[in-house]
Amino acid sequence: MWKHQKMNEEIIAKLKEILGEHYPNYIIIVLDEEGEVQSDYTTVSVARMLLREASLDFRDDNIDIVWDEEEDEEYG
């Protein structure tokens, strides 16, 4: 049986309150236990712009990812 759990509304309200105090525009993205991506945002256009800008940052050749192999071994 498929069960889709929505993001906890109480937690989302707290996050929105905190983010709203400091930033006029934001997007909240989570990956739940079932592997479903869920999101909440100020507006669709803001969400699209933020995702587009973030994707450009991740494509940047100047980004170096440093893996902590010791930490990985603890969870492996």
Protein backbone atom coordinates (compact mmCIF):
# COMPACT_ATOMS: atom_id res chain seq x y z
CA MET A 1 0.00 0.00 0.00
CA TRP A 2 1.36 3.42 -0.99
CA LYS A 3 1.39 6.00 1.75
CA HIS A 4 2.40 9.56 0.86
CA GLN A 5 3.26 11.56 3.94
CA LYS A 6 3.15 15.34 3.63
CA MET A 7 5.78 17.50 5.25
CA ASN A 8 5.03 18.16 8.90
CA GLU A 9 3.01 21.40 8.79
CA GLU A 10 4.19 22.53 12.24
CA ILE A 11 7.85 22.21 11.24
CA ILE A 12 7.21 23.93 7.89
CA ALA A 13 5.47 26.82 9.66
CA LYS A 14 8.49 27.29 11.95
CA LEU A 15 10.89 27.16 9.01
CA LYS A 16 8.82 29.69 7.06
CA GLU A 17 8.71 32.00 10.07
CA ILE A 18 12.49 31.87 10.55
CA LEU A 19 13.28 32.22 6.85
CA GLY A 20 10.70 34.96 6.38
CA GLU A 21 12.37 37.07 9.08
CA HIS A 22 15.64 37.06 7.16
CA TYR A 23 14.82 36.44 3.49
CA PRO A 24 11.92 37.62 1.31
CA ASN A 25 12.19 34.60 -1.00
CA TYR A 26 13.00 30.97 -0.25
CA ILE A 27 12.38 27.35 -1.15
CA ILE A 28 12.34 24.43 1.28
CA ILE A 29 13.12 21.02 -0.24
CA VAL A 30 13.13 17.72 1.64
CA LEU A 31 13.54 14.05 0.79
CA ASP A 32 11.27 11.87 2.95
CA GLU A 33 11.80 8.30 4.13
CA GLU A 34 10.04 6.91 1.05
CA GLY A 35 12.39 8.80 -1.26
CA GLU A 36 9.78 11.37 -2.30
CA VAL A 37 10.89 14.96 -2.82
CA GLN A 38 8.60 17.54 -1.24
CA SER A 39 8.88 21.31 -1.37
CA ASP A 40 7.35 24.56 -0.20
CA TYR A 41 8.22 28.04 -1.47
CA THR A 42 7.17 31.68 -1.50
CA THR A 43 6.06 31.65 -5.15
CA VAL A 44 6.47 29.34 -8.14
CA SER A 45 8.56 31.90 -10.01
CA VAL A 46 10.88 32.32 -7.02
CA ALA A 47 11.21 28.54 -6.64
CA ARG A 48 12.10 28.15 -10.32
CA MET A 49 14.67 30.95 -10.17
CA LEU A 50 16.29 29.61 -6.99
CA LEU A 51 16.48 26.08 -8.39
CA ARG A 52 17.93 27.37 -11.67
CA GLU A 53 20.57 29.42 -9.81
CA ALA A 54 21.42 26.50 -7.51
CA SER A 55 21.81 24.16 -10.48
CA LEU A 56 24.26 26.62 -12.04
CA ASP A 57 26.26 26.66 -8.81
CA PHE A 58 26.49 22.87 -8.84
CA ARG A 59 27.66 22.87 -12.47
CA ASP A 60 30.47 25.27 -11.65
CA ASP A 61 33.84 23.68 -12.38
CA ASN A 62 35.34 25.55 -9.42
CA ILE A 63 33.40 23.50 -6.86
CA ASP A 64 35.46 20.85 -5.09
CA ILE A 65 33.72 18.15 -3.08
CA VAL A 66 35.83 16.71 -0.31
CA TRP A 67 34.60 13.38 1.02
CA ASP A 68 35.40 12.46 4.60
CA GLU A 69 36.21 8.78 4.10
CA GLU A 70 36.44 8.09 7.81
CA GLU A 71 32.85 9.26 8.31
CA ASP A 72 31.69 7.21 5.31
CA GLU A 73 33.26 4.08 6.75
CA GLU A 74 31.29 4.53 10.00
CA TYR A 75 27.99 4.37 8.09
CA GLY A 76 29.03 1.79 5.50
